[in-house]
Amino acid sequence: MRATVMYRAGDVRLEEVPDPQLQTGRDAIVRVVAACVCGSDLWGYRGIAPTDRPRRMGHEFVGIVESAGADVARVQVGDFVIGAFYDCDYTCEVCRSGFSSSCLELGWYDGCQAELVRVPHADGSLAVVPADRLSDELVPHLLTLSDVFGTGHHAAHVAHVGEGSQVAVVGDGAVGLSAILAAHRLGASRIVAMSRNPQRQQLAREFGATDIVEQRGAEGAAVVKELFHGIGPDAVLEAVGTAESMEQAVRSVRPGGVIGYVGVPHGGPELPLRPLFSNNTVLAGGVAPVRNYIDDLLPDVLSGAVEPGRVFDLELPLGEIAEAYRAMDERRAIKVLVRP
């Protein structure tokens, strides 16, 4: 089969690799219908994270179950499935408490930007989509449940966003835009998108943003606070993961407010404990347990009540995976969907 391999910064290739095989009785082989490039995939591409050996790429996918182990009970050959971006058993105490992304048997796939992927815990990691609700137009929206929309939802959920909440979102990438959509879905009455990009500003408004703030740093925080009577919003959703983005969130949130952070830390961000302590700021977040959220989010995706797949503004065949990475790296695309 064909699969994406990163060799070093800026060097992504599509190569022939052996087909995955069933191994444990609990696993399944899924033929990928659609995958995508994630912002975190760019860390190695940009040299932020070291790549000391060739490695397979990709962690988000939807597809059709091609074969399943003898002990797989819930998933059947022929099912269309959404794969959570991590592998979990979905039965351990941690999974059942709502945090499957910290599963006691947590694992990762051997690259999903490929034609086939082996899922070690098929009954846990895969969510089945009803066959009578499927359409090709739904594929991009379903794919966001593998990671990006569930991650944006996690930021809003842990920040206790609900009816009438006032929210600001730091980050205008796919996760930040998904957080805006999630906050709107949960009933937020005012949502500030912090963005300088006109295309992303437009999608943010269509997803539910009521205000746009282009400024950054202390100036940006001052503008945000002024929009909320000089004290800031109830919640700030941080969707970048840098020291600058976390500082922006801390500066912007009201005393006693909540920061929901889902931007994977990189670049050495350190928590400013004194301001957090002084303002009674609640900090909540981490690796989004998207598998726990799929059952809640899927009905609204199937009904068309939300269209999170609009974050995919470029679609390419898997054979053009190198261009998919370039488009993301150069910010010519918000998020790229690839089809084998």
C-alpha atoms as a PDB file:
ATOM      1  CA  MET A   1       0.000   0.000   0.000  1.00  0.00           C
ATOM      2  CA  ARG A   2       0.966   3.672  -0.213  1.00  0.00           C
ATOM      3  CA  ALA A   3       1.706   5.641   2.963  1.00  0.00           C
ATOM      4  CA  THR A   4       3.157   9.011   3.924  1.00  0.00           C
ATOM      5  CA  VAL A   5       6.653   9.042   5.394  1.00  0.00           C
ATOM      6  CA  MET A   6       8.494  12.049   6.842  1.00  0.00           C
ATOM      7  CA  TYR A   7      12.265  11.853   6.495  1.00  0.00           C
ATOM      8  CA  ARG A   8      13.314  15.241   7.809  1.00  0.00           C
ATOM      9  CA  ALA A   9      12.118  18.837   8.008  1.00  0.00           C
ATOM     10  CA  GLY A  10      10.431  19.746   4.731  1.00  0.00           C
ATOM     11  CA  ASP A  11      10.801  16.226   3.321  1.00  0.00           C
ATOM     12  CA  VAL A  12       7.525  14.268   3.131  1.00  0.00           C
ATOM     13  CA  ARG A  13       7.171  11.405   0.657  1.00  0.00           C
ATOM     14  CA  LEU A  14       4.542   8.908  -0.433  1.00  0.00           C
ATOM     15  CA  GLU A  15       6.050   5.437  -0.450  1.00  0.00           C
ATOM     16  CA  GLU A  16       5.110   1.806  -0.923  1.00  0.00           C
ATOM     17  CA  VAL A  17       5.057  -0.033   2.438  1.00  0.00           C
ATOM     18  CA  PRO A  18       3.768  -3.470   3.497  1.00  0.00           C
ATOM     19  CA  ASP A  19       0.036  -3.793   4.070  1.00  0.00           C
ATOM     20  CA  PRO A  20      -0.872  -3.980   7.787  1.00  0.00           C
ATOM     21  CA  GLN A  21      -1.944  -7.374   9.103  1.00  0.00           C
ATOM     22  CA  LEU A  22      -4.263  -8.491  11.907  1.00  0.00           C
ATOM     23  CA  GLN A  23      -2.229  -9.446  14.988  1.00  0.00           C
ATOM     24  CA  THR A  24      -4.150  -9.755  18.251  1.00  0.00           C
ATOM     25  CA  GLY A  25      -7.773 -10.756  17.670  1.00  0.00           C
ATOM     26  CA  ARG A  26      -8.950  -7.365  18.960  1.00  0.00           C
ATOM     27  CA  ASP A  27      -7.728  -5.350  15.996  1.00  0.00           C
ATOM     28  CA  ALA A  28      -9.120  -4.363  12.614  1.00  0.00           C
ATOM     29  CA  ILE A  29      -7.810  -3.198   9.271  1.00  0.00           C
ATOM     30  CA  VAL A  30      -9.569  -0.102   7.907  1.00  0.00           C
ATOM     31  CA  ARG A  31      -9.383   1.063   4.304  1.00  0.00           C
ATOM     32  CA  VAL A  32      -9.008   4.823   4.552  1.00  0.00           C
ATOM     33  CA  VAL A  33     -11.660   6.878   2.765  1.00  0.00           C
ATOM     34  CA  ALA A  34     -10.307  10.232   3.910  1.00  0.00           C
ATOM     35  CA  ALA A  35      -7.470  11.489   6.092  1.00  0.00           C
ATOM     36  CA  CYS A  36      -5.948  14.919   6.624  1.00  0.00           C
ATOM     37  CA  VAL A  37      -2.936  16.962   7.661  1.00  0.00           C
ATOM     38  CA  CYS A  38      -2.972  18.291  11.234  1.00  0.00           C
ATOM     39  CA  GLY A  39      -1.249  21.395  12.527  1.00  0.00           C
ATOM     40  CA  SER A  40       0.781  19.177  14.848  1.00  0.00           C
ATOM     41  CA  ASP A  41       2.073  17.280  11.787  1.00  0.00           C
ATOM     42  CA  LEU A  42       3.846  20.501  10.841  1.00  0.00           C
ATOM     43  CA  TRP A  43       6.111  20.485  13.899  1.00  0.00           C
ATOM     44  CA  GLY A  44       8.392  17.910  12.346  1.00  0.00           C
ATOM     45  CA  TYR A  45       7.905  19.415   8.883  1.00  0.00           C
ATOM     46  CA  ARG A  46       9.103  22.775  10.188  1.00  0.00           C
ATOM     47  CA  GLY A  47      11.890  21.292  12.293  1.00  0.00           C
ATOM     48  CA  ILE A  48      10.262  22.319  15.590  1.00  0.00           C
ATOM     49  CA  ALA A  49      10.147  18.667  16.619  1.00  0.00           C
ATOM     50  CA  PRO A  50      13.181  16.609  15.606  1.00  0.00           C
ATOM     51  CA  THR A  51      12.810  13.818  13.056  1.00  0.00           C
ATOM     52  CA  ASP A  52      15.762  11.526  13.690  1.00  0.00           C
ATOM     53  CA  ARG A  53      14.478   8.657  11.536  1.00  0.00           C
ATOM     54  CA  PRO A  54      11.843   8.179   8.816  1.00  0.00           C
ATOM     55  CA  ARG A  55       8.368   7.916  10.346  1.00  0.00           C
ATOM     56  CA  ARG A  56       4.861   7.335   9.082  1.00  0.00           C
ATOM     57  CA  MET A  57       2.510  10.294   9.352  1.00  0.00           C
ATOM     58  CA  GLY A  58      -1.143  11.011  10.148  1.00  0.00           C
ATOM     59  CA  HIS A  59      -3.565  10.299  12.998  1.00  0.00           C
ATOM     60  CA  GLU A  60      -7.009  11.321  11.678  1.00  0.00           C
ATOM     61  CA  PHE A  61      -9.120   9.127   9.408  1.00  0.00           C
ATOM     62  CA  VAL A  62     -12.489   7.748   8.403  1.00  0.00           C
ATOM     63  CA  GLY A  63     -12.875   4.572   6.411  1.00  0.00           C
ATOM     64  CA  ILE A  64     -14.417   1.173   5.867  1.00  0.00           C
ATOM     65  CA  VAL A  65     -13.554  -1.886   7.951  1.00  0.00           C
ATOM     66  CA  GLU A  66     -11.870  -4.390   5.649  1.00  0.00           C
ATOM     67  CA  SER A  67     -11.103  -7.153   8.161  1.00  0.00           C
ATOM     68  CA  ALA A  68     -11.477  -7.694  11.891  1.00  0.00           C
ATOM     69  CA  GLY A  69     -10.012  -9.997  14.524  1.00  0.00           C
ATOM     70  CA  ALA A  70     -11.930 -12.903  16.017  1.00  0.00           C
ATOM     71  CA  ASP A  71     -12.552 -11.082  19.306  1.00  0.00           C
ATOM     72  CA  VAL A  72     -13.989  -7.915  17.759  1.00  0.00           C
ATOM     73  CA  ALA A  73     -17.689  -7.752  18.649  1.00  0.00           C
ATOM     74  CA  ARG A  74     -19.027  -4.266  18.009  1.00  0.00           C
ATOM     75  CA  VAL A  75     -17.421  -3.447  14.661  1.00  0.00           C
ATOM     76  CA  GLN A  76     -18.100  -5.479  11.519  1.00  0.00           C
ATOM     77  CA  VAL A  77     -16.512  -5.797   8.107  1.00  0.00           C
ATOM     78  CA  GLY A  78     -18.105  -3.236   5.804  1.00  0.00           C
ATOM     79  CA  ASP A  79     -18.867  -0.683   8.543  1.00  0.00           C
ATOM     80  CA  PHE A  80     -18.039   2.947   7.854  1.00  0.00           C
ATOM     81  CA  VAL A  81     -16.103   4.146  10.890  1.00  0.00           C
ATOM     82  CA  ILE A  82     -14.600   7.231  12.457  1.00  0.00           C
ATOM     83  CA  GLY A  83     -11.239   6.569  14.098  1.00  0.00           C
ATOM     84  CA  ALA A  84     -10.371   8.578  17.190  1.00  0.00           C
ATOM     85  CA  PHE A  85      -6.905  10.089  16.682  1.00  0.00           C
ATOM     86  CA  TYR A  86      -5.491   7.750  19.339  1.00  0.00           C
ATOM     87  CA  ASP A  87      -6.085   4.088  20.087  1.00  0.00           C
ATOM     88  CA  CYS A  88      -8.001   3.213  23.276  1.00  0.00           C
ATOM     89  CA  ASP A  89      -9.789   0.181  24.692  1.00  0.00           C
ATOM     90  CA  TYR A  90     -12.783   2.346  25.771  1.00  0.00           C
ATOM     91  CA  THR A  91     -13.468  -0.041  28.655  1.00  0.00           C
ATOM     92  CA  CYS A  92     -10.880   0.810  31.318  1.00  0.00           C
ATOM     93  CA  GLU A  93     -11.735   2.948  34.336  1.00  0.00           C
ATOM     94  CA  VAL A  94     -10.094   6.024  32.821  1.00  0.00           C
ATOM     95  CA  CYS A  95     -11.992   5.706  29.534  1.00  0.00           C
ATOM     96  CA  ARG A  96     -15.275   5.200  31.382  1.00  0.00           C
ATOM     97  CA  SER A  97     -14.604   8.309  33.473  1.00  0.00           C
ATOM     98  CA  GLY A  98     -14.515  10.374  30.265  1.00  0.00           C
ATOM     99  CA  PHE A  99     -10.801  10.533  29.493  1.00  0.00           C
ATOM    100  CA  SER A 100     -10.153   7.934  26.817  1.00  0.00           C
ATOM    101  CA  SER A 101      -7.191   9.976  25.568  1.00  0.00           C
ATOM    102  CA  SER A 102      -5.441   8.826  28.775  1.00  0.00           C
ATOM    103  CA  CYS A 103      -6.549   5.196  28.402  1.00  0.00           C
ATOM    104  CA  LEU A 104      -4.595   2.656  30.431  1.00  0.00           C
ATOM    105  CA  GLU A 105      -3.857   0.900  27.116  1.00  0.00           C
ATOM    106  CA  LEU A 106      -3.346   4.101  25.112  1.00  0.00           C
ATOM    107  CA  GLY A 107      -1.579   3.691  21.801  1.00  0.00           C
ATOM    108  CA  TRP A 108      -0.997   5.376  18.451  1.00  0.00           C
ATOM    109  CA  TYR A 109      -1.470   4.299  14.863  1.00  0.00           C
ATOM    110  CA  ASP A 110       1.328   3.607  12.410  1.00  0.00           C
ATOM    111  CA  GLY A 111       0.300   6.487  10.193  1.00  0.00           C
ATOM    112  CA  CYS A 112      -3.178   7.259   8.821  1.00  0.00           C
ATOM    113  CA  GLN A 113      -2.167   9.295   5.771  1.00  0.00           C
ATOM    114  CA  ALA A 114      -2.199   5.979   3.961  1.00  0.00           C
ATOM    115  CA  GLU A 115      -4.438   3.551   2.123  1.00  0.00           C
ATOM    116  CA  LEU A 116      -4.863   1.189   5.087  1.00  0.00           C
ATOM    117  CA  VAL A 117      -4.517   1.493   8.852  1.00  0.00           C
ATOM    118  CA  ARG A 118      -4.430  -1.124  11.594  1.00  0.00           C
ATOM    119  CA  VAL A 119      -6.511  -0.243  14.664  1.00  0.00           C
ATOM    120  CA  PRO A 120      -5.310  -2.259  17.708  1.00  0.00           C
ATOM    121  CA  HIS A 121      -8.515  -1.819  19.773  1.00  0.00           C
ATOM    122  CA  ALA A 122     -11.210  -1.869  17.101  1.00  0.00           C
ATOM    123  CA  ASP A 123     -14.162  -2.026  19.494  1.00  0.00           C
ATOM    124  CA  GLY A 124     -12.757   0.911  21.441  1.00  0.00           C
ATOM    125  CA  SER A 125     -11.262   3.356  18.975  1.00  0.00           C
ATOM    126  CA  LEU A 126     -13.774   3.083  16.132  1.00  0.00           C
ATOM    127  CA  ALA A 127     -17.214   4.695  16.065  1.00  0.00           C
ATOM    128  CA  VAL A 128     -19.645   3.245  13.531  1.00  0.00           C
ATOM    129  CA  VAL A 129     -21.668   5.611  11.342  1.00  0.00           C
ATOM    130  CA  PRO A 130     -25.153   4.293  10.417  1.00  0.00           C
ATOM    131  CA  ALA A 131     -25.082   3.181   6.780  1.00  0.00           C
ATOM    132  CA  ASP A 132     -28.442   4.785   6.004  1.00  0.00           C
ATOM    133  CA  ARG A 133     -27.113   8.221   7.047  1.00  0.00           C
ATOM    134  CA  LEU A 134     -23.945   8.189   4.941  1.00  0.00           C
ATOM    135  CA  SER A 135     -23.215  10.400   1.951  1.00  0.00           C
ATOM    136  CA  ASP A 136     -20.012  11.581   0.298  1.00  0.00           C
ATOM    137  CA  GLU A 137     -20.873  15.159   1.239  1.00  0.00           C
ATOM    138  CA  LEU A 138     -20.762  14.168   4.914  1.00  0.00           C
ATOM    139  CA  VAL A 139     -17.248  12.718   4.773  1.00  0.00           C
ATOM    140  CA  PRO A 140     -15.371  15.967   5.604  1.00  0.00           C
ATOM    141  CA  HIS A 141     -17.686  16.679   8.530  1.00  0.00           C
ATOM    142  CA  LEU A 142     -17.360  13.142   9.876  1.00  0.00           C
ATOM    143  CA  LEU A 143     -13.582  13.341   9.563  1.00  0.00           C
ATOM    144  CA  THR A 144     -13.477  16.299  11.973  1.00  0.00           C
ATOM    145  CA  LEU A 145     -14.860  14.014  14.696  1.00  0.00           C
ATOM    146  CA  SER A 146     -11.619  12.067  14.499  1.00  0.00           C
ATOM    147  CA  ASP A 147      -9.844  15.028  16.077  1.00  0.00           C
ATOM    148  CA  VAL A 148     -10.350  18.676  15.265  1.00  0.00           C
ATOM    149  CA  PHE A 149     -14.032  19.292  16.074  1.00  0.00           C
ATOM    150  CA  GLY A 150     -13.853  17.043  19.128  1.00  0.00           C
ATOM    151  CA  THR A 151     -10.764  18.964  20.250  1.00  0.00           C
ATOM    152  CA  GLY A 152     -12.490  22.313  19.834  1.00  0.00           C
ATOM    153  CA  HIS A 153     -15.451  20.917  21.748  1.00  0.00           C
ATOM    154  CA  HIS A 154     -13.131  19.800  24.541  1.00  0.00           C
ATOM    155  CA  ALA A 155     -11.865  23.359  24.988  1.00  0.00           C
ATOM    156  CA  ALA A 156     -15.418  24.678  25.292  1.00  0.00           C
ATOM    157  CA  HIS A 157     -16.606  21.786  27.461  1.00  0.00           C
ATOM    158  CA  VAL A 158     -13.872  22.056  30.099  1.00  0.00           C
ATOM    159  CA  ALA A 159     -14.340  25.837  30.148  1.00  0.00           C
ATOM    160  CA  HIS A 160     -18.012  25.287  31.082  1.00  0.00           C
ATOM    161  CA  VAL A 161     -19.322  27.126  28.040  1.00  0.00           C
ATOM    162  CA  GLY A 162     -23.113  27.073  27.991  1.00  0.00           C
ATOM    163  CA  GLU A 163     -26.173  29.190  27.358  1.00  0.00           C
ATOM    164  CA  GLY A 164     -25.248  32.869  27.525  1.00  0.00           C
ATOM    165  CA  SER A 165     -21.508  32.333  28.000  1.00  0.00           C
ATOM    166  CA  GLN A 166     -19.092  35.021  26.844  1.00  0.00           C
ATOM    167  CA  VAL A 167     -16.053  33.542  25.134  1.00  0.00           C
ATOM    168  CA  ALA A 168     -12.825  34.528  23.415  1.00  0.00           C
ATOM    169  CA  VAL A 169     -10.829  32.120  21.244  1.00  0.00           C
ATOM    170  CA  VAL A 170      -7.058  32.378  20.796  1.00  0.00           C
ATOM    171  CA  GLY A 171      -6.004  30.756  17.521  1.00  0.00           C
ATOM    172  CA  ASP A 172      -7.606  30.834  14.075  1.00  0.00           C
ATOM    173  CA  GLY A 173      -6.419  27.460  12.796  1.00  0.00           C
ATOM    174  CA  ALA A 174      -8.731  24.502  12.378  1.00  0.00           C
ATOM    175  CA  VAL A 175      -8.858  23.832  16.138  1.00  0.00           C
ATOM    176  CA  GLY A 176      -9.565  27.458  17.005  1.00  0.00           C
ATOM    177  CA  LEU A 177     -12.305  27.677  14.390  1.00  0.00           C
ATOM    178  CA  SER A 178     -13.733  24.397  15.674  1.00  0.00           C
ATOM    179  CA  ALA A 179     -13.721  25.834  19.199  1.00  0.00           C
ATOM    180  CA  ILE A 180     -15.775  28.776  17.928  1.00  0.00           C
ATOM    181  CA  LEU A 181     -18.287  26.405  16.347  1.00  0.00           C
ATOM    182  CA  ALA A 182     -18.384  24.300  19.512  1.00  0.00           C
ATOM    183  CA  ALA A 183     -18.963  27.335  21.726  1.00  0.00           C
ATOM    184  CA  HIS A 184     -21.760  28.500  19.444  1.00  0.00           C
ATOM    185  CA  ARG A 185     -23.328  25.016  19.503  1.00  0.00           C
ATOM    186  CA  LEU A 186     -23.259  25.057  23.311  1.00  0.00           C
ATOM    187  CA  GLY A 187     -25.117  28.369  23.459  1.00  0.00           C
ATOM    188  CA  ALA A 188     -22.475  31.063  23.929  1.00  0.00           C
ATOM    189  CA  SER A 189     -24.032  34.479  23.425  1.00  0.00           C
ATOM    190  CA  ARG A 190     -20.853  36.324  22.439  1.00  0.00           C
ATOM    191  CA  ILE A 191     -17.727  34.858  20.880  1.00  0.00           C
ATOM    192  CA  VAL A 192     -14.581  36.806  20.069  1.00  0.00           C
ATOM    193  CA  ALA A 193     -12.260  35.364  17.430  1.00  0.00           C
ATOM    194  CA  MET A 194      -8.667  36.561  17.648  1.00  0.00           C
ATOM    195  CA  SER A 195      -7.512  36.492  14.035  1.00  0.00           C
ATOM    196  CA  ARG A 196      -5.660  38.596  11.477  1.00  0.00           C
ATOM    197  CA  ASN A 197      -6.528  36.486   8.450  1.00  0.00           C
ATOM    198  CA  PRO A 198      -9.553  37.731   6.440  1.00  0.00           C
ATOM    199  CA  GLN A 199     -10.476  34.259   5.118  1.00  0.00           C
ATOM    200  CA  ARG A 200     -10.369  32.753   8.590  1.00  0.00           C
ATOM    201  CA  GLN A 201     -12.230  35.730  10.040  1.00  0.00           C
ATOM    202  CA  GLN A 202     -15.054  35.101   7.585  1.00  0.00           C
ATOM    203  CA  LEU A 203     -15.336  31.419   8.504  1.00  0.00           C
ATOM    204  CA  ALA A 204     -15.145  32.333  12.189  1.00  0.00           C
ATOM    205  CA  ARG A 205     -18.170  34.604  11.747  1.00  0.00           C
ATOM    206  CA  GLU A 206     -20.038  31.900   9.859  1.00  0.00           C
ATOM    207  CA  PHE A 207     -19.247  29.489  12.706  1.00  0.00           C
ATOM    208  CA  GLY A 208     -20.707  31.896  15.268  1.00  0.00           C
ATOM    209  CA  ALA A 209     -18.110  34.550  16.142  1.00  0.00           C
ATOM    210  CA  THR A 210     -19.720  37.868  16.975  1.00  0.00           C
ATOM    211  CA  ASP A 211     -16.513  39.934  17.168  1.00  0.00           C
ATOM    212  CA  ILE A 212     -13.048  39.890  15.614  1.00  0.00           C
ATOM    213  CA  VAL A 213      -9.935  41.151  17.374  1.00  0.00           C
ATOM    214  CA  GLU A 214      -6.801  41.432  15.252  1.00  0.00           C
ATOM    215  CA  GLN A 215      -4.446  42.790  17.898  1.00  0.00           C
ATOM    216  CA  ARG A 216      -2.094  40.549  19.887  1.00  0.00           C
ATOM    217  CA  GLY A 217      -0.313  40.669  23.229  1.00  0.00           C
ATOM    218  CA  ALA A 218      -1.195  43.281  25.822  1.00  0.00           C
ATOM    219  CA  GLU A 219      -2.980  45.410  23.220  1.00  0.00           C
ATOM    220  CA  GLY A 220      -5.117  42.486  22.108  1.00  0.00           C
ATOM    221  CA  ALA A 221      -5.994  41.569  25.682  1.00  0.00           C
ATOM    222  CA  ALA A 222      -7.001  45.157  26.400  1.00  0.00           C
ATOM    223  CA  VAL A 223      -9.328  45.173  23.374  1.00  0.00           C
ATOM    224  CA  VAL A 224     -10.887  41.869  24.437  1.00  0.00           C
ATOM    225  CA  LYS A 225     -11.421  43.067  28.002  1.00  0.00           C
ATOM    226  CA  GLU A 226     -13.010  46.278  26.780  1.00  0.00           C
ATOM    227  CA  LEU A 227     -15.567  44.262  24.798  1.00  0.00           C
ATOM    228  CA  PHE A 228     -16.669  42.701  28.100  1.00  0.00           C
ATOM    229  CA  HIS A 229     -17.114  45.741  30.350  1.00  0.00           C
ATOM    230  CA  GLY A 230     -13.390  46.065  30.951  1.00  0.00           C
ATOM    231  CA  ILE A 231     -13.017  42.760  32.824  1.00  0.00           C
ATOM    232  CA  GLY A 232     -12.897  40.113  30.093  1.00  0.00           C
ATOM    233  CA  PRO A 233     -14.986  37.093  29.022  1.00  0.00           C
ATOM    234  CA  ASP A 234     -16.129  34.159  31.146  1.00  0.00           C
ATOM    235  CA  ALA A 235     -13.915  31.772  29.182  1.00  0.00           C
ATOM    236  CA  VAL A 236     -10.932  31.891  26.885  1.00  0.00           C
ATOM    237  CA  LEU A 237     -10.298  28.896  24.631  1.00  0.00           C
ATOM    238  CA  GLU A 238      -6.592  28.499  23.832  1.00  0.00           C
ATOM    239  CA  ALA A 239      -5.972  26.549  20.618  1.00  0.00           C
ATOM    240  CA  VAL A 240      -2.326  27.147  19.704  1.00  0.00           C
ATOM    241  CA  GLY A 241       0.033  25.845  22.386  1.00  0.00           C
ATOM    242  CA  THR A 242       2.768  28.495  22.484  1.00  0.00           C
ATOM    243  CA  ALA A 243       3.968  30.708  25.314  1.00  0.00           C
ATOM    244  CA  GLU A 244       2.494  33.700  23.491  1.00  0.00           C
ATOM    245  CA  SER A 245      -0.939  32.146  23.057  1.00  0.00           C
ATOM    246  CA  MET A 246      -1.152  31.082  26.696  1.00  0.00           C
ATOM    247  CA  GLU A 247      -0.070  34.533  27.842  1.00  0.00           C
ATOM    248  CA  GLN A 248      -2.758  36.003  25.596  1.00  0.00           C
ATOM    249  CA  ALA A 249      -5.367  33.760  27.212  1.00  0.00           C
ATOM    250  CA  VAL A 250      -4.253  34.637  30.760  1.00  0.00           C
ATOM    251  CA  ARG A 251      -4.252  38.358  30.005  1.00  0.00           C
ATOM    252  CA  SER A 252      -7.709  38.237  28.401  1.00  0.00           C
ATOM    253  CA  VAL A 253      -9.872  36.157  30.752  1.00  0.00           C
ATOM    254  CA  ARG A 254     -11.891  37.771  33.528  1.00  0.00           C
ATOM    255  CA  PRO A 255     -11.068  37.215  37.214  1.00  0.00           C
ATOM    256  CA  GLY A 256     -12.613  33.908  38.220  1.00  0.00           C
ATOM    257  CA  GLY A 257     -12.888  32.865  34.580  1.00  0.00           C
ATOM    258  CA  VAL A 258     -11.801  29.653  32.899  1.00  0.00           C
ATOM    259  CA  ILE A 259      -9.125  28.958  30.304  1.00  0.00           C
ATOM    260  CA  GLY A 260      -9.845  25.839  28.258  1.00  0.00           C
ATOM    261  CA  TYR A 261      -6.546  24.871  26.644  1.00  0.00           C
ATOM    262  CA  VAL A 262      -6.178  22.302  23.878  1.00  0.00           C
ATOM    263  CA  GLY A 263      -3.222  23.707  21.961  1.00  0.00           C
ATOM    264  CA  VAL A 264      -0.539  21.028  22.350  1.00  0.00           C
ATOM    265  CA  PRO A 265       2.353  22.775  24.144  1.00  0.00           C
ATOM    266  CA  HIS A 266       5.391  23.491  22.012  1.00  0.00           C
ATOM    267  CA  GLY A 267       8.064  26.135  22.089  1.00  0.00           C
ATOM    268  CA  GLY A 268       8.452  25.890  25.858  1.00  0.00           C
ATOM    269  CA  PRO A 269       5.348  27.688  27.234  1.00  0.00           C
ATOM    270  CA  GLU A 270       5.477  28.162  30.994  1.00  0.00           C
ATOM    271  CA  LEU A 271       2.436  28.885  33.130  1.00  0.00           C
ATOM    272  CA  PRO A 272       2.357  32.388  34.639  1.00  0.00           C
ATOM    273  CA  LEU A 273       1.329  31.136  38.075  1.00  0.00           C
ATOM    274  CA  ARG A 274       1.197  34.511  39.836  1.00  0.00           C
ATOM    275  CA  PRO A 275      -1.475  36.016  37.529  1.00  0.00           C
ATOM    276  CA  LEU A 276      -3.437  32.749  37.562  1.00  0.00           C
ATOM    277  CA  PHE A 277      -3.317  32.686  41.369  1.00  0.00           C
ATOM    278  CA  SER A 278      -4.103  36.372  41.808  1.00  0.00           C
ATOM    279  CA  ASN A 279      -7.141  36.270  39.525  1.00  0.00           C
ATOM    280  CA  ASN A 280      -8.549  32.919  40.668  1.00  0.00           C
ATOM    281  CA  THR A 281      -8.284  31.719  37.080  1.00  0.00           C
ATOM    282  CA  VAL A 282      -9.296  28.133  36.401  1.00  0.00           C
ATOM    283  CA  LEU A 283      -7.092  26.290  33.922  1.00  0.00           C
ATOM    284  CA  ALA A 284      -8.526  23.119  32.376  1.00  0.00           C
ATOM    285  CA  GLY A 285      -7.788  21.086  29.282  1.00  0.00           C
ATOM    286  CA  GLY A 286      -5.299  18.717  27.742  1.00  0.00           C
ATOM    287  CA  VAL A 287      -5.415  15.954  25.152  1.00  0.00           C
ATOM    288  CA  ALA A 288      -9.009  15.926  23.945  1.00  0.00           C
ATOM    289  CA  PRO A 289     -10.850  12.642  24.686  1.00  0.00           C
ATOM    290  CA  VAL A 290     -12.583  12.801  21.318  1.00  0.00           C
ATOM    291  CA  ARG A 291     -13.783   9.183  21.449  1.00  0.00           C
ATOM    292  CA  ASN A 292     -15.939  10.113  24.460  1.00  0.00           C
ATOM    293  CA  TYR A 293     -17.484  13.001  22.526  1.00  0.00           C
ATOM    294  CA  ILE A 294     -18.350  11.315  19.228  1.00  0.00           C
ATOM    295  CA  ASP A 295     -21.721   9.934  20.366  1.00  0.00           C
ATOM    296  CA  ASP A 296     -22.779  13.425  21.476  1.00  0.00           C
ATOM    297  CA  LEU A 297     -21.521  15.293  18.418  1.00  0.00           C
ATOM    298  CA  LEU A 298     -22.387  12.803  15.670  1.00  0.00           C
ATOM    299  CA  PRO A 299     -26.179  13.412  15.554  1.00  0.00           C
ATOM    300  CA  ASP A 300     -25.691  17.131  14.902  1.00  0.00           C
ATOM    301  CA  VAL A 301     -23.185  16.361  12.156  1.00  0.00           C
ATOM    302  CA  LEU A 302     -25.507  13.817  10.525  1.00  0.00           C
ATOM    303  CA  SER A 303     -28.459  16.221  10.676  1.00  0.00           C
ATOM    304  CA  GLY A 304     -26.476  19.129   9.254  1.00  0.00           C
ATOM    305  CA  ALA A 305     -27.028  21.233  12.362  1.00  0.00           C
ATOM    306  CA  VAL A 306     -23.263  21.849  12.369  1.00  0.00           C
ATOM    307  CA  GLU A 307     -20.844  21.650   9.455  1.00  0.00           C
ATOM    308  CA  PRO A 308     -17.384  21.409  11.023  1.00  0.00           C
ATOM    309  CA  GLY A 309     -15.890  20.016   7.807  1.00  0.00           C
ATOM    310  CA  ARG A 310     -15.843  23.528   6.387  1.00  0.00           C
ATOM    311  CA  VAL A 311     -12.408  23.892   7.997  1.00  0.00           C
ATOM    312  CA  PHE A 312     -11.170  21.799   5.056  1.00  0.00           C
ATOM    313  CA  ASP A 313     -10.593  24.438   2.425  1.00  0.00           C
ATOM    314  CA  LEU A 314      -8.366  22.279   0.225  1.00  0.00           C
ATOM    315  CA  GLU A 315      -8.794  18.653  -0.885  1.00  0.00           C
ATOM    316  CA  LEU A 316      -6.039  16.690  -2.605  1.00  0.00           C
ATOM    317  CA  PRO A 317      -5.398  13.090  -3.598  1.00  0.00           C
ATOM    318  CA  LEU A 318      -2.973  11.168  -1.402  1.00  0.00           C
ATOM    319  CA  GLY A 319      -0.518  11.232  -4.282  1.00  0.00           C
ATOM    320  CA  GLU A 320      -0.115  14.980  -3.683  1.00  0.00           C
ATOM    321  CA  ILE A 321       0.578  14.697   0.051  1.00  0.00           C
ATOM    322  CA  ALA A 322       3.759  16.788  -0.255  1.00  0.00           C
ATOM    323  CA  GLU A 323       1.693  19.673  -1.640  1.00  0.00           C
ATOM    324  CA  ALA A 324      -0.797  19.211   1.212  1.00  0.00           C
ATOM    325  CA  TYR A 325       2.009  19.815   3.700  1.00  0.00           C
ATOM    326  CA  ARG A 326       3.323  22.803   1.755  1.00  0.00           C
ATOM    327  CA  ALA A 327      -0.128  24.395   1.620  1.00  0.00           C
ATOM    328  CA  MET A 328      -0.555  24.020   5.374  1.00  0.00           C
ATOM    329  CA  ASP A 329       2.973  25.212   6.121  1.00  0.00           C
ATOM    330  CA  GLU A 330       2.566  28.298   3.946  1.00  0.00           C
ATOM    331  CA  ARG A 331      -0.885  29.036   5.403  1.00  0.00           C
ATOM    332  CA  ARG A 332      -2.464  28.751   1.959  1.00  0.00           C
ATOM    333  CA  ALA A 333      -4.931  26.318   3.520  1.00  0.00           C
ATOM    334  CA  ILE A 334      -6.577  26.090   6.924  1.00  0.00           C
ATOM    335  CA  LYS A 335      -6.679  22.280   6.805  1.00  0.00           C
ATOM    336  CA  VAL A 336      -6.136  19.848   3.945  1.00  0.00           C
ATOM    337  CA  LEU A 337      -8.241  16.729   3.385  1.00  0.00           C
ATOM    338  CA  VAL A 338      -6.574  13.901   1.455  1.00  0.00           C
ATOM    339  CA  ARG A 339      -8.226  10.940  -0.239  1.00  0.00           C
ATOM    340  CA  PRO A 340      -6.329   7.773  -1.167  1.00  0.00           C
END
